[in-house]
N, C-alpha and C. Protein backbone atom coordinates (compact mmCIF):
# COMPACT_ATOMS: atom_id res chain seq x y z
N UNK A 1 -21.51 11.99 -4.82
CA UNK A 1 -22.27 13.15 -5.25
C UNK A 1 -22.05 13.37 -6.75
N UNK A 2 -23.11 13.56 -7.47
CA UNK A 2 -23.07 13.78 -8.91
C UNK A 2 -22.54 15.17 -9.22
N UNK A 3 -21.70 15.25 -10.24
CA UNK A 3 -21.14 16.52 -10.68
C UNK A 3 -21.63 16.83 -12.09
N UNK A 4 -21.52 18.10 -12.47
CA UNK A 4 -21.77 18.50 -13.84
C UNK A 4 -20.41 18.62 -14.52
N UNK A 5 -20.23 17.85 -15.58
CA UNK A 5 -18.96 17.75 -16.28
C UNK A 5 -19.16 18.15 -17.73
N UNK A 6 -18.27 18.97 -18.27
CA UNK A 6 -18.28 19.29 -19.69
C UNK A 6 -17.05 18.65 -20.31
N UNK A 7 -17.25 17.96 -21.43
CA UNK A 7 -16.15 17.34 -22.16
C UNK A 7 -16.16 17.89 -23.58
N UNK A 8 -15.07 18.56 -23.97
CA UNK A 8 -14.94 18.99 -25.36
C UNK A 8 -14.31 17.85 -26.14
N UNK A 9 -14.59 17.81 -27.43
CA UNK A 9 -14.07 16.71 -28.24
C UNK A 9 -14.74 15.40 -27.88
N UNK A 10 -16.02 15.47 -27.52
CA UNK A 10 -16.74 14.32 -26.99
C UNK A 10 -17.29 13.37 -28.04
N UNK A 11 -17.06 13.65 -29.32
CA UNK A 11 -17.66 12.81 -30.35
C UNK A 11 -16.85 11.55 -30.67
N UNK A 12 -15.60 11.49 -30.23
CA UNK A 12 -14.78 10.32 -30.57
C UNK A 12 -13.58 10.20 -29.63
N UNK A 13 -12.93 9.06 -29.69
CA UNK A 13 -11.65 8.85 -29.01
C UNK A 13 -11.67 9.08 -27.51
N UNK A 14 -10.64 9.79 -27.04
CA UNK A 14 -10.47 10.04 -25.61
C UNK A 14 -11.65 10.84 -25.05
N UNK A 15 -12.15 11.81 -25.82
CA UNK A 15 -13.29 12.60 -25.35
C UNK A 15 -14.52 11.75 -25.12
N UNK A 16 -14.81 10.87 -26.06
CA UNK A 16 -15.96 9.97 -25.89
C UNK A 16 -15.75 9.06 -24.69
N UNK A 17 -14.55 8.51 -24.56
CA UNK A 17 -14.24 7.62 -23.43
C UNK A 17 -14.38 8.36 -22.10
N UNK A 18 -13.91 9.60 -22.05
CA UNK A 18 -14.03 10.38 -20.82
C UNK A 18 -15.50 10.63 -20.49
N UNK A 19 -16.28 11.00 -21.50
CA UNK A 19 -17.71 11.26 -21.28
C UNK A 19 -18.41 10.01 -20.77
N UNK A 20 -18.12 8.87 -21.35
CA UNK A 20 -18.73 7.61 -20.91
C UNK A 20 -18.30 7.30 -19.47
N UNK A 21 -17.03 7.51 -19.16
CA UNK A 21 -16.54 7.23 -17.81
C UNK A 21 -17.22 8.12 -16.77
N UNK A 22 -17.34 9.41 -17.06
CA UNK A 22 -18.02 10.31 -16.12
C UNK A 22 -19.49 9.92 -15.97
N UNK A 23 -20.15 9.63 -17.08
CA UNK A 23 -21.57 9.24 -17.02
C UNK A 23 -21.75 7.95 -16.23
N UNK A 24 -20.83 7.01 -16.37
CA UNK A 24 -20.96 5.73 -15.65
C UNK A 24 -20.80 5.92 -14.15
N UNK A 25 -20.17 7.01 -13.73
CA UNK A 25 -20.04 7.33 -12.30
C UNK A 25 -21.30 8.03 -11.77
N UNK A 26 -22.20 8.38 -12.67
CA UNK A 26 -23.41 9.08 -12.27
C UNK A 26 -23.34 10.58 -12.45
N UNK A 27 -22.26 11.07 -13.05
CA UNK A 27 -22.14 12.50 -13.30
C UNK A 27 -23.04 12.91 -14.45
N UNK A 28 -23.49 14.17 -14.42
CA UNK A 28 -24.24 14.76 -15.53
C UNK A 28 -23.19 15.29 -16.51
N UNK A 29 -23.29 14.91 -17.77
CA UNK A 29 -22.22 15.25 -18.73
C UNK A 29 -22.77 16.08 -19.88
N UNK A 30 -22.15 17.23 -20.09
CA UNK A 30 -22.43 18.07 -21.25
C UNK A 30 -21.39 17.76 -22.31
N UNK A 31 -21.84 17.38 -23.48
CA UNK A 31 -20.95 16.97 -24.56
C UNK A 31 -20.79 18.10 -25.57
N UNK A 32 -19.56 18.54 -25.77
CA UNK A 32 -19.29 19.54 -26.80
C UNK A 32 -18.51 18.85 -27.91
N UNK A 33 -19.07 18.88 -29.10
CA UNK A 33 -18.45 18.19 -30.22
C UNK A 33 -18.45 19.09 -31.44
N UNK A 34 -17.64 18.74 -32.41
CA UNK A 34 -17.41 19.58 -33.59
C UNK A 34 -18.68 19.99 -34.32
N UNK A 35 -19.69 19.16 -34.35
CA UNK A 35 -20.91 19.50 -35.08
C UNK A 35 -21.68 20.60 -34.35
N UNK A 36 -21.69 20.54 -33.02
CA UNK A 36 -22.45 21.50 -32.23
C UNK A 36 -21.66 22.76 -31.91
N UNK A 37 -20.40 22.61 -31.54
CA UNK A 37 -19.62 23.73 -30.99
C UNK A 37 -18.23 23.76 -31.60
N UNK A 38 -17.88 24.88 -32.18
CA UNK A 38 -16.52 25.08 -32.68
C UNK A 38 -15.73 25.68 -31.53
N UNK A 39 -14.89 24.87 -30.87
CA UNK A 39 -14.15 25.34 -29.70
C UNK A 39 -13.11 26.39 -30.05
N UNK A 40 -12.80 26.56 -31.34
CA UNK A 40 -11.89 27.62 -31.76
C UNK A 40 -12.58 28.99 -31.71
N UNK A 41 -13.89 28.99 -31.52
CA UNK A 41 -14.70 30.21 -31.45
C UNK A 41 -15.08 30.45 -29.98
N UNK A 42 -14.47 31.46 -29.36
CA UNK A 42 -14.70 31.74 -27.94
C UNK A 42 -16.19 31.96 -27.63
N UNK A 43 -16.89 32.68 -28.50
CA UNK A 43 -18.32 32.93 -28.26
C UNK A 43 -19.12 31.63 -28.30
N UNK A 44 -18.78 30.74 -29.21
CA UNK A 44 -19.49 29.45 -29.29
C UNK A 44 -19.27 28.63 -28.02
N UNK A 45 -18.06 28.66 -27.49
CA UNK A 45 -17.76 27.92 -26.25
C UNK A 45 -18.54 28.53 -25.09
N UNK A 46 -18.58 29.85 -25.02
CA UNK A 46 -19.32 30.52 -23.95
C UNK A 46 -20.82 30.20 -24.03
N UNK A 47 -21.37 30.21 -25.23
CA UNK A 47 -22.79 29.88 -25.41
C UNK A 47 -23.07 28.43 -25.02
N UNK A 48 -22.17 27.54 -25.39
CA UNK A 48 -22.35 26.12 -25.05
C UNK A 48 -22.29 25.93 -23.54
N UNK A 49 -21.36 26.59 -22.88
CA UNK A 49 -21.26 26.48 -21.41
C UNK A 49 -22.52 26.99 -20.74
N UNK A 50 -23.04 28.11 -21.23
CA UNK A 50 -24.28 28.66 -20.67
C UNK A 50 -25.44 27.69 -20.87
N UNK A 51 -25.50 27.05 -22.02
CA UNK A 51 -26.57 26.09 -22.29
C UNK A 51 -26.45 24.88 -21.36
N UNK A 52 -25.23 24.41 -21.14
CA UNK A 52 -25.03 23.27 -20.21
C UNK A 52 -25.50 23.66 -18.82
N UNK A 53 -25.08 24.83 -18.33
CA UNK A 53 -25.46 25.25 -16.98
C UNK A 53 -26.97 25.44 -16.86
N UNK A 54 -27.60 25.92 -17.91
CA UNK A 54 -29.05 26.11 -17.89
C UNK A 54 -29.78 24.76 -17.84
N UNK A 55 -29.27 23.78 -18.59
CA UNK A 55 -29.96 22.48 -18.70
C UNK A 55 -29.63 21.50 -17.59
N UNK A 56 -28.34 21.45 -17.16
CA UNK A 56 -28.00 20.40 -16.19
C UNK A 56 -27.30 20.90 -14.93
N UNK A 57 -27.03 22.20 -14.83
CA UNK A 57 -26.50 22.76 -13.60
C UNK A 57 -25.11 23.36 -13.74
N UNK A 58 -24.65 24.03 -12.68
CA UNK A 58 -23.34 24.67 -12.68
C UNK A 58 -22.23 23.67 -12.98
N UNK A 59 -21.28 24.09 -13.77
CA UNK A 59 -20.19 23.20 -14.19
C UNK A 59 -19.19 23.00 -13.06
N UNK A 60 -18.93 21.73 -12.75
CA UNK A 60 -17.95 21.38 -11.72
C UNK A 60 -16.60 21.00 -12.32
N UNK A 61 -16.61 20.33 -13.46
CA UNK A 61 -15.38 19.87 -14.11
C UNK A 61 -15.47 20.19 -15.59
N UNK A 62 -14.39 20.73 -16.13
CA UNK A 62 -14.32 21.05 -17.55
C UNK A 62 -13.14 20.29 -18.14
N UNK A 63 -13.37 19.42 -19.11
CA UNK A 63 -12.32 18.65 -19.75
C UNK A 63 -12.07 19.20 -21.15
N UNK A 64 -10.93 19.85 -21.34
CA UNK A 64 -10.53 20.37 -22.65
C UNK A 64 -9.84 19.26 -23.42
N UNK A 65 -10.57 18.61 -24.29
CA UNK A 65 -10.02 17.47 -25.02
C UNK A 65 -10.08 17.63 -26.53
N UNK A 66 -10.80 18.62 -27.03
CA UNK A 66 -10.97 18.76 -28.48
C UNK A 66 -9.62 18.99 -29.17
N UNK A 67 -9.48 18.37 -30.31
CA UNK A 67 -8.29 18.59 -31.12
C UNK A 67 -8.62 18.28 -32.57
N UNK A 68 -7.79 18.81 -33.45
CA UNK A 68 -7.93 18.52 -34.88
C UNK A 68 -6.56 18.12 -35.40
N UNK A 69 -6.54 17.16 -36.27
CA UNK A 69 -5.29 16.72 -36.88
C UNK A 69 -5.50 16.58 -38.38
N UNK A 70 -4.40 16.53 -39.09
CA UNK A 70 -4.43 16.31 -40.52
C UNK A 70 -3.53 15.12 -40.80
N UNK A 71 -4.08 14.09 -41.42
CA UNK A 71 -3.30 12.91 -41.77
C UNK A 71 -2.95 12.99 -43.25
N UNK A 72 -1.72 13.36 -43.52
CA UNK A 72 -1.24 13.47 -44.91
C UNK A 72 0.28 13.60 -44.86
N UNK A 73 0.88 13.46 -45.99
CA UNK A 73 2.31 13.74 -46.10
C UNK A 73 2.51 15.25 -45.89
N UNK A 74 3.59 15.59 -45.25
CA UNK A 74 3.84 16.98 -44.89
C UNK A 74 3.67 17.92 -46.09
N UNK A 75 4.21 17.58 -47.22
CA UNK A 75 4.13 18.47 -48.38
C UNK A 75 2.71 18.57 -48.95
N UNK A 76 1.80 17.73 -48.48
CA UNK A 76 0.41 17.78 -48.95
C UNK A 76 -0.50 18.61 -48.04
N UNK A 77 0.01 19.01 -46.89
CA UNK A 77 -0.79 19.77 -45.93
C UNK A 77 -0.70 21.25 -46.26
N UNK A 78 -1.86 21.88 -46.33
CA UNK A 78 -1.91 23.31 -46.65
C UNK A 78 -1.73 24.14 -45.38
N UNK A 79 -1.37 25.40 -45.58
CA UNK A 79 -1.27 26.33 -44.46
C UNK A 79 -2.62 26.46 -43.75
N UNK A 80 -3.71 26.45 -44.51
CA UNK A 80 -5.06 26.54 -43.93
C UNK A 80 -5.34 25.34 -43.03
N UNK A 81 -4.91 24.16 -43.43
CA UNK A 81 -5.12 22.96 -42.60
C UNK A 81 -4.30 23.04 -41.31
N UNK A 82 -3.07 23.53 -41.40
CA UNK A 82 -2.27 23.75 -40.18
C UNK A 82 -2.93 24.77 -39.27
N UNK A 83 -3.42 25.87 -39.87
CA UNK A 83 -4.08 26.92 -39.08
C UNK A 83 -5.29 26.37 -38.34
N UNK A 84 -6.13 25.64 -39.05
CA UNK A 84 -7.35 25.10 -38.42
C UNK A 84 -7.00 24.12 -37.30
N UNK A 85 -6.04 23.27 -37.53
CA UNK A 85 -5.63 22.31 -36.51
C UNK A 85 -5.13 23.04 -35.26
N UNK A 86 -4.34 24.08 -35.47
CA UNK A 86 -3.82 24.87 -34.35
C UNK A 86 -4.94 25.59 -33.60
N UNK A 87 -5.86 26.18 -34.35
CA UNK A 87 -6.97 26.89 -33.71
C UNK A 87 -7.79 25.97 -32.82
N UNK A 88 -8.17 24.81 -33.35
CA UNK A 88 -9.02 23.89 -32.58
C UNK A 88 -8.26 23.35 -31.37
N UNK A 89 -7.04 22.87 -31.59
CA UNK A 89 -6.30 22.21 -30.54
C UNK A 89 -5.82 23.19 -29.47
N UNK A 90 -5.23 24.29 -29.87
CA UNK A 90 -4.70 25.26 -28.91
C UNK A 90 -5.77 26.21 -28.39
N UNK A 91 -6.43 26.92 -29.31
CA UNK A 91 -7.42 27.90 -28.86
C UNK A 91 -8.62 27.24 -28.18
N UNK A 92 -8.96 26.04 -28.58
CA UNK A 92 -10.04 25.33 -27.89
C UNK A 92 -9.74 25.16 -26.42
N UNK A 93 -8.51 24.80 -26.10
CA UNK A 93 -8.09 24.66 -24.71
C UNK A 93 -8.08 26.02 -24.01
N UNK A 94 -7.54 27.02 -24.69
CA UNK A 94 -7.49 28.36 -24.12
C UNK A 94 -8.90 28.87 -23.80
N UNK A 95 -9.82 28.72 -24.75
CA UNK A 95 -11.17 29.25 -24.54
C UNK A 95 -11.88 28.54 -23.38
N UNK A 96 -11.75 27.22 -23.31
CA UNK A 96 -12.38 26.49 -22.20
C UNK A 96 -11.79 26.87 -20.86
N UNK A 97 -10.47 26.98 -20.80
CA UNK A 97 -9.79 27.33 -19.55
C UNK A 97 -10.13 28.74 -19.12
N UNK A 98 -10.09 29.69 -20.06
CA UNK A 98 -10.39 31.08 -19.72
C UNK A 98 -11.85 31.24 -19.30
N UNK A 99 -12.72 30.48 -19.90
CA UNK A 99 -14.14 30.57 -19.55
C UNK A 99 -14.35 30.19 -18.09
N UNK A 100 -13.64 29.20 -17.62
CA UNK A 100 -13.80 28.73 -16.25
C UNK A 100 -12.96 29.52 -15.25
N UNK A 101 -11.90 30.18 -15.68
CA UNK A 101 -10.97 30.83 -14.76
C UNK A 101 -11.53 31.99 -13.94
N UNK A 102 -12.49 32.80 -14.43
CA UNK A 102 -12.97 33.90 -13.59
C UNK A 102 -13.59 33.42 -12.27
N UNK A 103 -14.20 32.25 -12.29
CA UNK A 103 -14.84 31.76 -11.07
C UNK A 103 -14.02 30.68 -10.39
N UNK A 104 -12.82 30.46 -10.86
CA UNK A 104 -11.96 29.43 -10.32
C UNK A 104 -11.68 29.71 -8.84
N UNK A 105 -12.04 28.78 -8.01
CA UNK A 105 -11.81 28.91 -6.58
C UNK A 105 -12.88 29.71 -5.85
N UNK A 106 -13.81 30.32 -6.60
CA UNK A 106 -14.88 31.10 -5.97
C UNK A 106 -16.02 30.18 -5.56
N UNK A 107 -16.71 30.56 -4.51
CA UNK A 107 -17.87 29.77 -4.09
C UNK A 107 -19.03 30.06 -5.02
N UNK A 108 -19.80 29.03 -5.32
CA UNK A 108 -20.97 29.20 -6.17
C UNK A 108 -22.21 29.16 -5.28
N UNK A 109 -23.23 29.95 -5.61
CA UNK A 109 -24.43 30.00 -4.77
C UNK A 109 -25.09 28.64 -4.59
N UNK A 110 -25.10 27.81 -5.63
CA UNK A 110 -25.81 26.54 -5.54
C UNK A 110 -25.10 25.52 -4.66
N UNK A 111 -23.78 25.59 -4.59
CA UNK A 111 -23.04 24.59 -3.81
C UNK A 111 -22.39 25.17 -2.56
N UNK A 112 -22.03 26.43 -2.60
CA UNK A 112 -21.35 27.04 -1.49
C UNK A 112 -19.90 26.59 -1.34
N UNK A 113 -19.45 25.72 -2.22
CA UNK A 113 -18.08 25.24 -2.15
C UNK A 113 -17.28 25.84 -3.30
N UNK A 114 -15.96 25.88 -3.16
CA UNK A 114 -15.16 26.47 -4.24
C UNK A 114 -15.35 25.73 -5.55
N UNK A 115 -15.44 26.49 -6.62
CA UNK A 115 -15.55 25.92 -7.96
C UNK A 115 -14.15 25.48 -8.39
N UNK A 116 -14.03 24.28 -8.95
CA UNK A 116 -12.70 23.81 -9.34
C UNK A 116 -12.13 24.62 -10.50
N UNK A 117 -10.81 24.67 -10.56
CA UNK A 117 -10.13 25.35 -11.65
C UNK A 117 -10.02 24.42 -12.83
N UNK A 118 -10.28 24.93 -14.00
CA UNK A 118 -10.21 24.11 -15.21
C UNK A 118 -8.84 24.23 -15.85
N UNK A 119 -8.40 23.18 -16.44
CA UNK A 119 -7.18 23.18 -17.25
C UNK A 119 -7.35 22.05 -18.26
N UNK A 120 -6.34 21.83 -19.05
CA UNK A 120 -6.50 20.83 -20.10
C UNK A 120 -6.33 19.42 -19.59
N UNK A 121 -6.79 18.50 -20.39
CA UNK A 121 -6.60 17.06 -20.18
C UNK A 121 -7.08 16.58 -18.82
N UNK A 122 -8.23 17.01 -18.43
CA UNK A 122 -8.90 16.51 -17.24
C UNK A 122 -8.13 16.77 -15.96
N UNK A 123 -7.68 17.98 -15.77
CA UNK A 123 -7.10 18.36 -14.49
C UNK A 123 -7.94 19.48 -13.92
N UNK A 124 -8.10 19.49 -12.64
CA UNK A 124 -8.85 20.54 -11.98
C UNK A 124 -8.41 20.58 -10.52
N UNK A 125 -9.00 21.47 -9.76
CA UNK A 125 -8.66 21.55 -8.34
C UNK A 125 -8.99 20.24 -7.66
N UNK A 126 -10.02 19.58 -8.15
CA UNK A 126 -10.37 18.24 -7.67
C UNK A 126 -10.07 17.26 -8.79
N UNK A 127 -9.41 16.14 -8.50
CA UNK A 127 -9.11 15.20 -9.58
C UNK A 127 -10.37 14.73 -10.30
N UNK A 128 -10.22 14.39 -11.56
CA UNK A 128 -11.35 13.95 -12.37
C UNK A 128 -11.68 12.49 -12.16
N UNK A 129 -10.99 11.81 -11.29
CA UNK A 129 -11.22 10.38 -11.09
C UNK A 129 -12.38 10.16 -10.15
């Protein structure tokens, strides 16, 4: 059975690989990437989730994978760069998880089955495999 999957950080690396893997299984995949959605912005994440559900259906799996890093010598990294990295990596996970948590375990009208709980790194009530 095909699921609706959202992957944050889908533009590169592990996020891209996860999106490709879900799509190859026949799942419908909503891709959230830095150009489209700033996961550090709770409202932007909520709007993106609503757009995914409107276009491809209720979300079954949410993969919080977005992160930001700074490659430089420690003394060359600014406080602003540390702040941004923390916001994207930490708050991005928080916003995705909190967005899914109100309906976690609740039955959805379209499926009648419990909605999986979202957490980071591809964990949910149902395994992502």
